[in-house]
C-alpha atoms as a PDB file:
ATOM      1  CA  MET A   1     -24.585  74.893 218.150  1.00  0.00           C
ATOM      2  CA  LYS A   2     -22.652  72.617 215.765  1.00  0.00           C
ATOM      3  CA  ARG A   3     -19.535  74.696 216.190  1.00  0.00           C
ATOM      4  CA  GLU A   4     -19.739  74.321 220.018  1.00  0.00           C
ATOM      5  CA  VAL A   5     -20.017  70.566 219.754  1.00  0.00           C
ATOM      6  CA  LEU A   6     -17.017  70.384 217.496  1.00  0.00           C
ATOM      7  CA  ARG A   7     -15.039  72.606 219.980  1.00  0.00           C
ATOM      8  CA  LYS A   8     -15.827  70.244 222.848  1.00  0.00           C
ATOM      9  CA  LEU A   9     -14.785  67.204 220.749  1.00  0.00           C
ATOM     10  CA  PHE A  10     -11.528  68.871 219.881  1.00  0.00           C
ATOM     11  CA  LEU A  11     -10.715  69.711 223.536  1.00  0.00           C
ATOM     12  CA  GLY A  12     -11.673  66.208 224.692  1.00  0.00           C
ATOM     13  CA  THR A  13      -9.507  64.616 222.002  1.00  0.00           C
ATOM     14  CA  THR A  14      -6.542  66.927 222.930  1.00  0.00           C
ATOM     15  CA  ALA A  15      -6.800  65.991 226.523  1.00  0.00           C
ATOM     16  CA  CYS A  16      -6.752  62.264 225.681  1.00  0.00           C
ATOM     17  CA  VAL A  17      -3.707  62.719 223.520  1.00  0.00           C
ATOM     18  CA  LEU A  18      -1.847  64.593 226.273  1.00  0.00           C
ATOM     19  CA  ALA A  19      -2.829  62.004 228.876  1.00  0.00           C
ATOM     20  CA  GLY A  20      -1.628  59.219 226.588  1.00  0.00           C
ATOM     21  CA  ALA A  21       1.722  61.003 226.048  1.00  0.00           C
ATOM     22  CA  LEU A  22       2.220  61.278 229.754  1.00  0.00           C
ATOM     23  CA  ILE A  23       1.434  57.604 230.309  1.00  0.00           C
ATOM     24  CA  GLY A  24       3.895  56.679 227.559  1.00  0.00           C
ATOM     25  CA  CYS A  25       6.759  58.322 229.305  1.00  0.00           C
ATOM     26  CA  GLY A  26       7.362  55.382 231.588  1.00  0.00           C
ATOM     27  CA  SER A  27      11.188  55.281 230.977  1.00  0.00           C
ATOM     28  CA  ASP A  28      12.057  58.740 232.178  1.00  0.00           C
ATOM     29  CA  LYS A  29      13.955  59.292 235.405  1.00  0.00           C
ATOM     30  CA  SER A  30      11.143  61.079 237.296  1.00  0.00           C
ATOM     31  CA  GLY A  31       9.907  57.847 238.900  1.00  0.00           C
ATOM     32  CA  ALA A  32       7.117  57.223 236.300  1.00  0.00           C
ATOM     33  CA  LYS A  33       5.946  53.666 235.889  1.00  0.00           C
ATOM     34  CA  ALA A  34       6.687  51.419 232.936  1.00  0.00           C
ATOM     35  CA  ASP A  35       4.591  51.335 229.828  1.00  0.00           C
ATOM     36  CA  ALA A  36       2.646  48.012 230.294  1.00  0.00           C
ATOM     37  CA  LYS A  37       2.942  47.253 226.583  1.00  0.00           C
ATOM     38  CA  LYS A  38       6.716  47.228 226.443  1.00  0.00           C
ATOM     39  CA  VAL A  39       8.797  44.256 227.372  1.00  0.00           C
ATOM     40  CA  TYR A  40      12.428  44.499 228.469  1.00  0.00           C
ATOM     41  CA  GLU A  41      14.595  41.425 228.273  1.00  0.00           C
ATOM     42  CA  LEU A  42      17.736  40.475 230.149  1.00  0.00           C
ATOM     43  CA  LYS A  43      19.930  37.474 229.429  1.00  0.00           C
ATOM     44  CA  VAL A  44      21.857  36.138 232.436  1.00  0.00           C
ATOM     45  CA  SER A  45      25.000  34.167 231.639  1.00  0.00           C
ATOM     46  CA  THR A  46      26.785  31.826 234.096  1.00  0.00           C
ATOM     47  CA  THR A  47      29.551  29.152 233.909  1.00  0.00           C
ATOM     48  CA  GLN A  48      27.645  27.115 236.482  1.00  0.00           C
ATOM     49  CA  ALA A  49      25.839  24.032 235.502  1.00  0.00           C
ATOM     50  CA  GLU A  50      22.045  24.000 235.346  1.00  0.00           C
ATOM     51  CA  SER A  51      21.925  21.593 238.345  1.00  0.00           C
ATOM     52  CA  SER A  52      23.932  23.935 240.676  1.00  0.00           C
ATOM     53  CA  VAL A  53      22.414  25.500 243.672  1.00  0.00           C
ATOM     54  CA  ILE A  54      23.289  29.046 242.478  1.00  0.00           C
ATOM     55  CA  VAL A  55      21.568  28.428 239.143  1.00  0.00           C
ATOM     56  CA  GLN A  56      18.462  27.427 241.064  1.00  0.00           C
ATOM     57  CA  GLY A  57      18.666  30.825 242.807  1.00  0.00           C
ATOM     58  CA  LEU A  58      19.049  32.650 239.539  1.00  0.00           C
ATOM     59  CA  GLN A  59      16.021  30.889 238.153  1.00  0.00           C
ATOM     60  CA  ASP A  60      14.073  31.998 241.228  1.00  0.00           C
ATOM     61  CA  PHE A  61      15.269  35.523 240.573  1.00  0.00           C
ATOM     62  CA  ALA A  62      14.063  35.426 237.010  1.00  0.00           C
ATOM     63  CA  LYS A  63      10.633  34.065 238.028  1.00  0.00           C
ATOM     64  CA  LYS A  64      10.069  36.726 240.770  1.00  0.00           C
ATOM     65  CA  VAL A  65      11.068  39.640 238.561  1.00  0.00           C
ATOM     66  CA  GLY A  66       8.677  38.440 235.828  1.00  0.00           C
ATOM     67  CA  GLU A  67       5.844  38.180 238.416  1.00  0.00           C
ATOM     68  CA  LYS A  68       6.544  41.580 239.992  1.00  0.00           C
ATOM     69  CA  THR A  69       6.598  43.312 236.617  1.00  0.00           C
ATOM     70  CA  ASP A  70       3.617  41.414 235.125  1.00  0.00           C
ATOM     71  CA  GLY A  71       5.971  40.095 232.442  1.00  0.00           C
ATOM     72  CA  GLY A  72       7.271  43.509 231.603  1.00  0.00           C
ATOM     73  CA  LEU A  73      10.810  42.524 232.555  1.00  0.00           C
ATOM     74  CA  LYS A  74      11.739  39.173 231.193  1.00  0.00           C
ATOM     75  CA  ILE A  75      14.820  37.404 232.486  1.00  0.00           C
ATOM     76  CA  THR A  76      16.314  34.172 230.848  1.00  0.00           C
ATOM     77  CA  ILE A  77      19.098  32.233 232.549  1.00  0.00           C
ATOM     78  CA  TYR A  78      21.803  30.619 230.363  1.00  0.00           C
ATOM     79  CA  PRO A  79      23.926  28.084 232.395  1.00  0.00           C
ATOM     80  CA  SER A  80      27.089  26.326 231.403  1.00  0.00           C
ATOM     81  CA  SER A  81      28.484  29.265 229.400  1.00  0.00           C
ATOM     82  CA  GLN A  82      25.806  28.773 226.723  1.00  0.00           C
ATOM     83  CA  LEU A  83      26.107  32.362 225.622  1.00  0.00           C
ATOM     84  CA  GLY A  84      29.959  32.309 225.574  1.00  0.00           C
ATOM     85  CA  GLY A  85      32.926  32.920 227.834  1.00  0.00           C
ATOM     86  CA  GLU A  86      32.677  35.161 230.861  1.00  0.00           C
ATOM     87  CA  GLU A  87      35.115  37.809 229.478  1.00  0.00           C
ATOM     88  CA  ASP A  88      33.128  38.113 226.238  1.00  0.00           C
ATOM     89  CA  MET A  89      29.935  38.431 228.153  1.00  0.00           C
ATOM     90  CA  ILE A  90      31.346  41.237 230.350  1.00  0.00           C
ATOM     91  CA  ASP A  91      32.640  42.996 227.245  1.00  0.00           C
ATOM     92  CA  GLN A  92      29.099  42.865 225.727  1.00  0.00           C
ATOM     93  CA  ALA A  93      27.570  44.239 228.851  1.00  0.00           C
ATOM     94  CA  MET A  94      30.062  47.107 228.833  1.00  0.00           C
ATOM     95  CA  GLN A  95      29.006  47.933 225.301  1.00  0.00           C
ATOM     96  CA  GLY A  96      25.396  48.261 226.388  1.00  0.00           C
ATOM     97  CA  MET A  97      23.906  44.878 225.522  1.00  0.00           C
ATOM     98  CA  ASN A  98      21.048  43.433 227.579  1.00  0.00           C
ATOM     99  CA  ILE A  99      23.460  40.929 229.207  1.00  0.00           C
ATOM    100  CA  ALA A 100      24.075  40.091 232.930  1.00  0.00           C
ATOM    101  CA  ILE A 101      26.797  37.828 234.187  1.00  0.00           C
ATOM    102  CA  LEU A 102      27.268  35.848 237.386  1.00  0.00           C
ATOM    103  CA  SER A 103      30.843  36.710 238.222  1.00  0.00           C
ATOM    104  CA  ASP A 104      33.169  37.267 241.179  1.00  0.00           C
ATOM    105  CA  ALA A 105      35.516  39.882 242.711  1.00  0.00           C
ATOM    106  CA  ALA A 106      38.508  38.643 240.786  1.00  0.00           C
ATOM    107  CA  ARG A 107      36.849  39.623 237.509  1.00  0.00           C
ATOM    108  CA  MET A 108      35.664  43.008 238.856  1.00  0.00           C
ATOM    109  CA  SER A 109      39.148  43.714 240.156  1.00  0.00           C
ATOM    110  CA  ASP A 110      40.186  44.153 236.459  1.00  0.00           C
ATOM    111  CA  TYR A 111      38.326  47.428 236.619  1.00  0.00           C
ATOM    112  CA  VAL A 112      38.367  48.287 240.332  1.00  0.00           C
ATOM    113  CA  PRO A 113      41.544  46.557 241.758  1.00  0.00           C
ATOM    114  CA  GLU A 114      40.606  46.842 245.411  1.00  0.00           C
ATOM    115  CA  MET A 115      37.536  44.559 244.905  1.00  0.00           C
ATOM    116  CA  GLY A 116      39.941  41.674 244.543  1.00  0.00           C
ATOM    117  CA  ILE A 117      40.241  41.587 248.305  1.00  0.00           C
ATOM    118  CA  PHE A 118      37.071  39.497 248.431  1.00  0.00           C
ATOM    119  CA  ASN A 119      39.098  36.645 246.912  1.00  0.00           C
ATOM    120  CA  MET A 120      41.947  36.958 249.477  1.00  0.00           C
ATOM    121  CA  ALA A 121      42.513  34.347 252.055  1.00  0.00           C
ATOM    122  CA  TYR A 122      40.654  35.005 255.361  1.00  0.00           C
ATOM    123  CA  PHE A 123      39.362  38.429 254.302  1.00  0.00           C
ATOM    124  CA  VAL A 124      35.998  37.419 255.900  1.00  0.00           C
ATOM    125  CA  ASP A 125      35.294  34.432 258.126  1.00  0.00           C
ATOM    126  CA  ASN A 126      31.774  33.686 257.028  1.00  0.00           C
ATOM    127  CA  TYR A 127      28.964  34.809 254.852  1.00  0.00           C
ATOM    128  CA  ASP A 128      27.302  37.117 257.439  1.00  0.00           C
ATOM    129  CA  GLU A 129      30.575  38.996 257.747  1.00  0.00           C
ATOM    130  CA  ALA A 130      30.761  39.423 254.024  1.00  0.00           C
ATOM    131  CA  VAL A 131      27.219  40.940 254.011  1.00  0.00           C
ATOM    132  CA  LYS A 132      28.487  43.512 256.574  1.00  0.00           C
ATOM    133  CA  VAL A 133      31.289  44.490 254.131  1.00  0.00           C
ATOM    134  CA  MET A 134      28.754  45.033 251.372  1.00  0.00           C
ATOM    135  CA  GLU A 135      27.102  47.657 253.612  1.00  0.00           C
ATOM    136  CA  THR A 136      30.221  49.766 253.985  1.00  0.00           C
ATOM    137  CA  GLU A 137      30.802  53.125 252.307  1.00  0.00           C
ATOM    138  CA  THR A 138      34.021  51.606 250.894  1.00  0.00           C
ATOM    139  CA  PHE A 139      32.146  48.848 249.089  1.00  0.00           C
ATOM    140  CA  LYS A 140      29.507  51.216 247.880  1.00  0.00           C
ATOM    141  CA  GLY A 141      32.309  53.305 246.423  1.00  0.00           C
ATOM    142  CA  TRP A 142      33.667  50.383 244.522  1.00  0.00           C
ATOM    143  CA  THR A 143      30.265  49.644 242.936  1.00  0.00           C
ATOM    144  CA  ASN A 144      29.920  53.331 241.892  1.00  0.00           C
ATOM    145  CA  ASP A 145      33.388  53.133 240.359  1.00  0.00           C
ATOM    146  CA  LEU A 146      32.312  50.196 238.263  1.00  0.00           C
ATOM    147  CA  THR A 147      29.621  52.225 236.576  1.00  0.00           C
ATOM    148  CA  ASN A 148      32.455  54.347 235.137  1.00  0.00           C
ATOM    149  CA  HIS A 149      33.450  51.178 233.319  1.00  0.00           C
ATOM    150  CA  GLY A 150      29.891  50.611 231.977  1.00  0.00           C
ATOM    151  CA  LEU A 151      29.108  47.940 234.592  1.00  0.00           C
ATOM    152  CA  LYS A 152      26.194  47.890 237.162  1.00  0.00           C
ATOM    153  CA  ILE A 153      26.228  45.532 240.174  1.00  0.00           C
ATOM    154  CA  LEU A 154      22.672  44.218 240.804  1.00  0.00           C
ATOM    155  CA  THR A 155      23.822  42.293 243.821  1.00  0.00           C
ATOM    156  CA  PHE A 156      27.015  40.886 245.293  1.00  0.00           C
ATOM    157  CA  ASN A 157      25.476  38.385 247.817  1.00  0.00           C
ATOM    158  CA  PHE A 158      25.223  35.096 245.928  1.00  0.00           C
ATOM    159  CA  TYR A 159      27.473  32.608 247.780  1.00  0.00           C
ATOM    160  CA  ASP A 160      28.992  29.214 246.961  1.00  0.00           C
ATOM    161  CA  GLY A 161      30.611  28.297 250.179  1.00  0.00           C
ATOM    162  CA  ALA A 162      34.074  28.301 251.713  1.00  0.00           C
ATOM    163  CA  ARG A 163      37.151  26.921 249.758  1.00  0.00           C
ATOM    164  CA  SER A 164      39.446  24.428 251.445  1.00  0.00           C
ATOM    165  CA  PHE A 165      42.504  22.479 250.288  1.00  0.00           C
ATOM    166  CA  VAL A 166      41.731  19.038 248.792  1.00  0.00           C
ATOM    167  CA  GLY A 167      44.332  16.497 247.800  1.00  0.00           C
ATOM    168  CA  HIS A 168      46.339  13.314 248.352  1.00  0.00           C
ATOM    169  CA  LYS A 169      47.945  14.346 251.673  1.00  0.00           C
ATOM    170  CA  PRO A 170      46.752  15.800 255.025  1.00  0.00           C
ATOM    171  CA  ALA A 171      47.938  19.399 255.855  1.00  0.00           C
ATOM    172  CA  THR A 172      47.236  20.730 259.313  1.00  0.00           C
ATOM    173  CA  LYS A 173      49.641  23.750 259.030  1.00  0.00           C
ATOM    174  CA  PRO A 174      51.148  25.828 256.203  1.00  0.00           C
ATOM    175  CA  ALA A 175      54.493  23.900 256.329  1.00  0.00           C
ATOM    176  CA  ASP A 176      52.667  20.817 255.361  1.00  0.00           C
ATOM    177  CA  LEU A 177      51.746  22.385 251.980  1.00  0.00           C
ATOM    178  CA  LYS A 178      55.351  23.097 251.040  1.00  0.00           C
ATOM    179  CA  GLY A 179      56.239  21.603 247.674  1.00  0.00           C
ATOM    180  CA  GLN A 180      52.597  20.751 246.846  1.00  0.00           C
ATOM    181  CA  VAL A 181      51.267  21.932 243.552  1.00  0.00           C
ATOM    182  CA  VAL A 182      47.757  23.180 244.039  1.00  0.00           C
ATOM    183  CA  ARG A 183      45.288  24.177 241.330  1.00  0.00           C
ATOM    184  CA  THR A 184      43.749  27.670 241.858  1.00  0.00           C
ATOM    185  CA  PRO A 185      42.124  30.304 239.528  1.00  0.00           C
ATOM    186  CA  GLY A 186      44.847  32.455 237.830  1.00  0.00           C
ATOM    187  CA  ALA A 187      43.732  35.802 239.400  1.00  0.00           C
ATOM    188  CA  ALA A 188      46.374  37.441 241.629  1.00  0.00           C
ATOM    189  CA  PRO A 189      44.330  37.366 244.888  1.00  0.00           C
ATOM    190  CA  TYR A 190      44.054  33.559 244.572  1.00  0.00           C
ATOM    191  CA  VAL A 191      47.597  33.037 243.499  1.00  0.00           C
ATOM    192  CA  GLU A 192      49.282  35.139 246.176  1.00  0.00           C
ATOM    193  CA  SER A 193      47.036  33.744 248.941  1.00  0.00           C
ATOM    194  CA  ILE A 194      47.771  30.126 248.054  1.00  0.00           C
ATOM    195  CA  LYS A 195      51.485  30.957 247.786  1.00  0.00           C
ATOM    196  CA  SER A 196      51.517  32.677 251.228  1.00  0.00           C
ATOM    197  CA  MET A 197      49.963  29.660 252.778  1.00  0.00           C
ATOM    198  CA  GLY A 198      52.789  27.343 251.619  1.00  0.00           C
ATOM    199  CA  ALA A 199      51.582  25.754 248.391  1.00  0.00           C
ATOM    200  CA  THR A 200      52.728  26.242 244.816  1.00  0.00           C
ATOM    201  CA  PRO A 201      49.780  27.721 242.872  1.00  0.00           C
ATOM    202  CA  TYR A 202      49.075  26.358 239.418  1.00  0.00           C
ATOM    203  CA  SER A 203      46.287  27.617 237.122  1.00  0.00           C
ATOM    204  CA  ILE A 204      44.466  25.217 234.837  1.00  0.00           C
ATOM    205  CA  ALA A 205      40.755  24.965 233.871  1.00  0.00           C
ATOM    206  CA  TRP A 206      38.537  23.426 236.499  1.00  0.00           C
ATOM    207  CA  SER A 207      37.494  20.842 233.933  1.00  0.00           C
ATOM    208  CA  GLU A 208      41.115  19.467 233.953  1.00  0.00           C
ATOM    209  CA  VAL A 209      41.443  19.277 237.789  1.00  0.00           C
ATOM    210  CA  TYR A 210      39.947  15.780 238.185  1.00  0.00           C
ATOM    211  CA  ASN A 211      42.314  14.244 235.688  1.00  0.00           C
ATOM    212  CA  GLY A 212      45.238  16.274 237.108  1.00  0.00           C
ATOM    213  CA  ILE A 213      44.711  14.962 240.610  1.00  0.00           C
ATOM    214  CA  GLN A 214      44.047  11.487 239.336  1.00  0.00           C
ATOM    215  CA  THR A 215      47.362  11.361 237.355  1.00  0.00           C
ATOM    216  CA  LYS A 216      49.173  13.245 240.109  1.00  0.00           C
ATOM    217  CA  SER A 217      50.384  15.948 237.744  1.00  0.00           C
ATOM    218  CA  ILE A 218      49.016  18.214 240.486  1.00  0.00           C
ATOM    219  CA  ASP A 219      48.805  17.403 244.152  1.00  0.00           C
ATOM    220  CA  GLY A 220      45.426  18.879 244.746  1.00  0.00           C
ATOM    221  CA  CYS A 221      43.185  21.913 244.476  1.00  0.00           C
ATOM    222  CA  GLU A 222      41.268  24.366 246.633  1.00  0.00           C
ATOM    223  CA  VAL A 223      37.525  24.155 246.244  1.00  0.00           C
ATOM    224  CA  GLN A 224      34.204  24.662 247.986  1.00  0.00           C
ATOM    225  CA  TYR A 225      32.008  21.709 248.919  1.00  0.00           C
ATOM    226  CA  THR A 226      29.367  22.386 246.327  1.00  0.00           C
ATOM    227  CA  SER A 227      31.863  21.844 243.497  1.00  0.00           C
ATOM    228  CA  ALA A 228      33.773  19.154 245.342  1.00  0.00           C
ATOM    229  CA  VAL A 229      30.550  16.996 245.447  1.00  0.00           C
ATOM    230  CA  SER A 230      29.255  17.859 241.977  1.00  0.00           C
ATOM    231  CA  SER A 231      32.685  17.075 240.348  1.00  0.00           C
ATOM    232  CA  HIS A 232      33.078  13.730 242.254  1.00  0.00           C
ATOM    233  CA  ILE A 233      36.466  14.973 243.393  1.00  0.00           C
ATOM    234  CA  TYR A 234      36.263  12.279 246.155  1.00  0.00           C
ATOM    235  CA  GLU A 235      36.979   9.691 243.540  1.00  0.00           C
ATOM    236  CA  VAL A 236      40.628  10.944 243.089  1.00  0.00           C
ATOM    237  CA  ALA A 237      41.440  12.784 246.322  1.00  0.00           C
ATOM    238  CA  LYS A 238      41.577  11.443 249.847  1.00  0.00           C
ATOM    239  CA  PHE A 239      41.701  14.484 252.168  1.00  0.00           C
ATOM    240  CA  VAL A 240      39.810  17.726 252.789  1.00  0.00           C
ATOM    241  CA  ASN A 241      42.189  20.078 254.747  1.00  0.00           C
ATOM    242  CA  LYS A 242      39.428  22.288 256.219  1.00  0.00           C
ATOM    243  CA  THR A 243      41.134  25.645 256.008  1.00  0.00           C
ATOM    244  CA  GLU A 244      37.975  27.378 254.791  1.00  0.00           C
ATOM    245  CA  HIS A 245      40.359  30.133 253.583  1.00  0.00           C
ATOM    246  CA  ILE A 246      38.236  31.996 250.909  1.00  0.00           C
ATOM    247  CA  ASN A 247      34.518  32.477 251.231  1.00  0.00           C
ATOM    248  CA  LEU A 248      33.358  32.502 247.572  1.00  0.00           C
ATOM    249  CA  LEU A 249      31.030  35.474 246.953  1.00  0.00           C
ATOM    250  CA  ASN A 250      29.416  35.972 243.539  1.00  0.00           C
ATOM    251  CA  CYS A 251      27.884  39.129 241.935  1.00  0.00           C
ATOM    252  CA  VAL A 252      25.287  39.614 239.245  1.00  0.00           C
ATOM    253  CA  VAL A 253      26.624  42.452 237.005  1.00  0.00           C
ATOM    254  CA  THR A 254      24.970  43.910 233.996  1.00  0.00           C
ATOM    255  CA  SER A 255      25.277  46.808 231.570  1.00  0.00           C
ATOM    256  CA  ASN A 256      24.951  50.194 233.252  1.00  0.00           C
ATOM    257  CA  ALA A 257      23.772  51.728 229.939  1.00  0.00           C
ATOM    258  CA  TRP A 258      21.030  49.140 229.594  1.00  0.00           C
ATOM    259  CA  PHE A 259      20.006  49.463 233.264  1.00  0.00           C
ATOM    260  CA  GLU A 260      19.755  53.291 232.931  1.00  0.00           C
ATOM    261  CA  LYS A 261      17.175  52.883 230.147  1.00  0.00           C
ATOM    262  CA  LEU A 262      14.743  50.925 232.409  1.00  0.00           C
ATOM    263  CA  PRO A 263      11.756  52.555 233.966  1.00  0.00           C
ATOM    264  CA  GLU A 264      12.436  53.594 237.583  1.00  0.00           C
ATOM    265  CA  ASP A 265      10.024  50.978 239.036  1.00  0.00           C
ATOM    266  CA  TYR A 266      11.742  48.281 237.035  1.00  0.00           C
ATOM    267  CA  LYS A 267      15.151  49.312 238.262  1.00  0.00           C
ATOM    268  CA  LYS A 268      13.956  48.974 241.837  1.00  0.00           C
ATOM    269  CA  VAL A 269      12.381  45.572 241.260  1.00  0.00           C
ATOM    270  CA  LEU A 270      15.477  44.313 239.488  1.00  0.00           C
ATOM    271  CA  VAL A 271      17.981  45.375 242.253  1.00  0.00           C
ATOM    272  CA  ASP A 272      15.693  44.508 245.257  1.00  0.00           C
ATOM    273  CA  THR A 273      14.798  41.079 243.879  1.00  0.00           C
ATOM    274  CA  ALA A 274      18.474  40.262 243.026  1.00  0.00           C
ATOM    275  CA  ASN A 275      19.473  41.065 246.539  1.00  0.00           C
ATOM    276  CA  GLU A 276      16.527  39.183 248.031  1.00  0.00           C
ATOM    277  CA  CYS A 277      17.143  36.024 245.935  1.00  0.00           C
ATOM    278  CA  GLY A 278      20.964  36.168 246.400  1.00  0.00           C
ATOM    279  CA  TYR A 279      20.558  36.287 250.213  1.00  0.00           C
ATOM    280  CA  GLU A 280      17.970  33.466 250.263  1.00  0.00           C
ATOM    281  CA  ASN A 281      20.069  31.255 247.948  1.00  0.00           C
ATOM    282  CA  ALA A 282      23.252  31.970 250.026  1.00  0.00           C
ATOM    283  CA  LYS A 283      21.557  30.965 253.236  1.00  0.00           C
ATOM    284  CA  TYR A 284      20.449  27.761 251.571  1.00  0.00           C
ATOM    285  CA  VAL A 285      24.034  27.067 250.522  1.00  0.00           C
ATOM    286  CA  VAL A 286      25.167  27.616 254.195  1.00  0.00           C
ATOM    287  CA  SER A 287      22.461  25.237 255.370  1.00  0.00           C
ATOM    288  CA  LEU A 288      23.770  22.528 253.029  1.00  0.00           C
ATOM    289  CA  GLN A 289      27.405  22.523 254.232  1.00  0.00           C
ATOM    290  CA  GLU A 290      26.956  19.730 256.871  1.00  0.00           C
ATOM    291  CA  LYS A 291      25.124  17.551 254.430  1.00  0.00           C
ATOM    292  CA  LEU A 292      27.754  18.087 251.670  1.00  0.00           C
ATOM    293  CA  GLU A 293      30.567  17.309 254.012  1.00  0.00           C
ATOM    294  CA  LYS A 294      28.835  14.079 255.156  1.00  0.00           C
ATOM    295  CA  GLU A 295      28.522  13.153 251.418  1.00  0.00           C
ATOM    296  CA  LEU A 296      32.308  13.601 250.961  1.00  0.00           C
ATOM    297  CA  ILE A 297      32.906  11.461 254.093  1.00  0.00           C
ATOM    298  CA  ASP A 298      30.527   8.788 252.902  1.00  0.00           C
ATOM    299  CA  ASN A 299      32.432   8.621 249.703  1.00  0.00           C
ATOM    300  CA  GLY A 300      35.770   7.865 251.400  1.00  0.00           C
ATOM    301  CA  MET A 301      37.247  11.419 252.131  1.00  0.00           C
ATOM    302  CA  THR A 302      38.852  12.292 255.458  1.00  0.00           C
ATOM    303  CA  ILE A 303      38.122  15.723 256.889  1.00  0.00           C
ATOM    304  CA  VAL A 304      41.334  17.161 258.468  1.00  0.00           C
ATOM    305  CA  GLU A 305      40.851  19.896 261.103  1.00  0.00           C
ATOM    306  CA  VAL A 306      43.722  22.400 260.699  1.00  0.00           C
ATOM    307  CA  ASP A 307      45.477  25.105 262.745  1.00  0.00           C
ATOM    308  CA  LYS A 308      43.471  27.959 261.195  1.00  0.00           C
ATOM    309  CA  ASN A 309      45.359  30.637 263.178  1.00  0.00           C
ATOM    310  CA  ALA A 310      48.620  29.461 261.576  1.00  0.00           C
ATOM    311  CA  PHE A 311      47.060  29.657 258.063  1.00  0.00           C
ATOM    312  CA  LYS A 312      45.601  33.126 258.835  1.00  0.00           C
ATOM    313  CA  GLU A 313      48.957  34.383 260.018  1.00  0.00           C
ATOM    314  CA  ALA A 314      50.636  33.048 256.882  1.00  0.00           C
ATOM    315  CA  ALA A 315      47.997  34.610 254.645  1.00  0.00           C
ATOM    316  CA  LYS A 316      48.846  38.150 255.814  1.00  0.00           C
ATOM    317  CA  ASN A 317      51.816  38.242 253.597  1.00  0.00           C
ATOM    318  CA  ALA A 318      49.608  38.157 250.460  1.00  0.00           C
ATOM    319  CA  TYR A 319      47.943  41.375 251.551  1.00  0.00           C
ATOM    320  CA  ASP A 320      51.366  43.036 251.702  1.00  0.00           C
ATOM    321  CA  VAL A 321      52.401  41.730 248.297  1.00  0.00           C
ATOM    322  CA  LEU A 322      49.215  43.107 246.651  1.00  0.00           C
ATOM    323  CA  ASN A 323      49.173  46.404 248.677  1.00  0.00           C
ATOM    324  CA  LEU A 324      45.870  45.505 250.229  1.00  0.00           C
ATOM    325  CA  THR A 325      46.823  45.606 253.915  1.00  0.00           C
ATOM    326  CA  LYS A 326      45.515  49.180 254.467  1.00  0.00           C
ATOM    327  CA  THR A 327      42.355  48.451 252.423  1.00  0.00           C
ATOM    328  CA  ARG A 328      41.638  45.576 254.778  1.00  0.00           C
ATOM    329  CA  GLU A 329      42.290  47.693 257.832  1.00  0.00           C
ATOM    330  CA  LYS A 330      39.974  50.391 256.571  1.00  0.00           C
ATOM    331  CA  ILE A 331      37.114  47.879 255.913  1.00  0.00           C
ATOM    332  CA  TYR A 332      37.626  46.170 259.235  1.00  0.00           C
ATOM    333  CA  ASN A 333      37.294  49.551 260.968  1.00  0.00           C
ATOM    334  CA  GLU A 334      34.016  50.040 259.142  1.00  0.00           C
ATOM    335  CA  ILE A 335      32.570  46.707 260.223  1.00  0.00           C
ATOM    336  CA  GLY A 336      34.054  46.810 263.740  1.00  0.00           C
ATOM    337  CA  LYS A 337      36.445  43.885 263.298  1.00  0.00           C
ATOM    338  CA  THR A 338      39.996  43.548 264.597  1.00  0.00           C
ATOM    339  CA  LEU A 339      42.835  41.568 263.015  1.00  0.00           C
END
């Protein structure tokens, strides 16, 4: 009798151990759920200030992921480059660190060159058109290619608005920009686009732009409304030449090695929530454009309506220079758009 009791106790204990082992395998790729006791952490770095609209969207992303995973996946946002420069952060992510970065196509084009097309003048006309591009097989192929470099795109749909030329003089057509030195980021898609539209591109840090325009060491810059208002650029520049030539899309990119170690349910939560929050935040940015423009006008700026067709025609040369004309045609065919 005693031996039978011991046998049953042994079998019961063995069953519990096996069940516990199965429950503990939450990080395998079979779709098992996460171990409730383990907490994964992700640090999200951005150059944007804490007060920016996009950082508000990132904070919402962090909050929702925490709620959906019952605190099992903790995300902390670090604005104003608190963790370091963007290039250093990307390097750390490639090495497998639990880092994510708010970045753009220009940075990603260092690894997948064709992605730079997102920062070309008049590639897309608005945010909704950009979303269509992200649904194409070509775009999905680019994101897959990035994983070969150790990077995982969580979402590419954060948005900061359309960039226009801001400066001391009005410009309704490309010829009006001839001889004007205009600040732009140093990446080739920006440089060639600005050059093709008539201006002389010049790369300096954004923090130097206000003083550059004020002292007239540069004639202007190209910038989206969110940054134009937050930087008080209206104090040193008189005109917004409303070209809306580049729609500024942003991605959240993290370490592919770190991402692959997550439980399957956490992977889904992370990607789905990033896309959800990016889209909601982008639509909010779109809704703010009229208000931001009014704020620029109320602070003394003049909005100049331009010949957009003339600027679009001029910008085509940049695609030829960077061998992106065929890429653009391919994507337009996929989204049903004609040149």
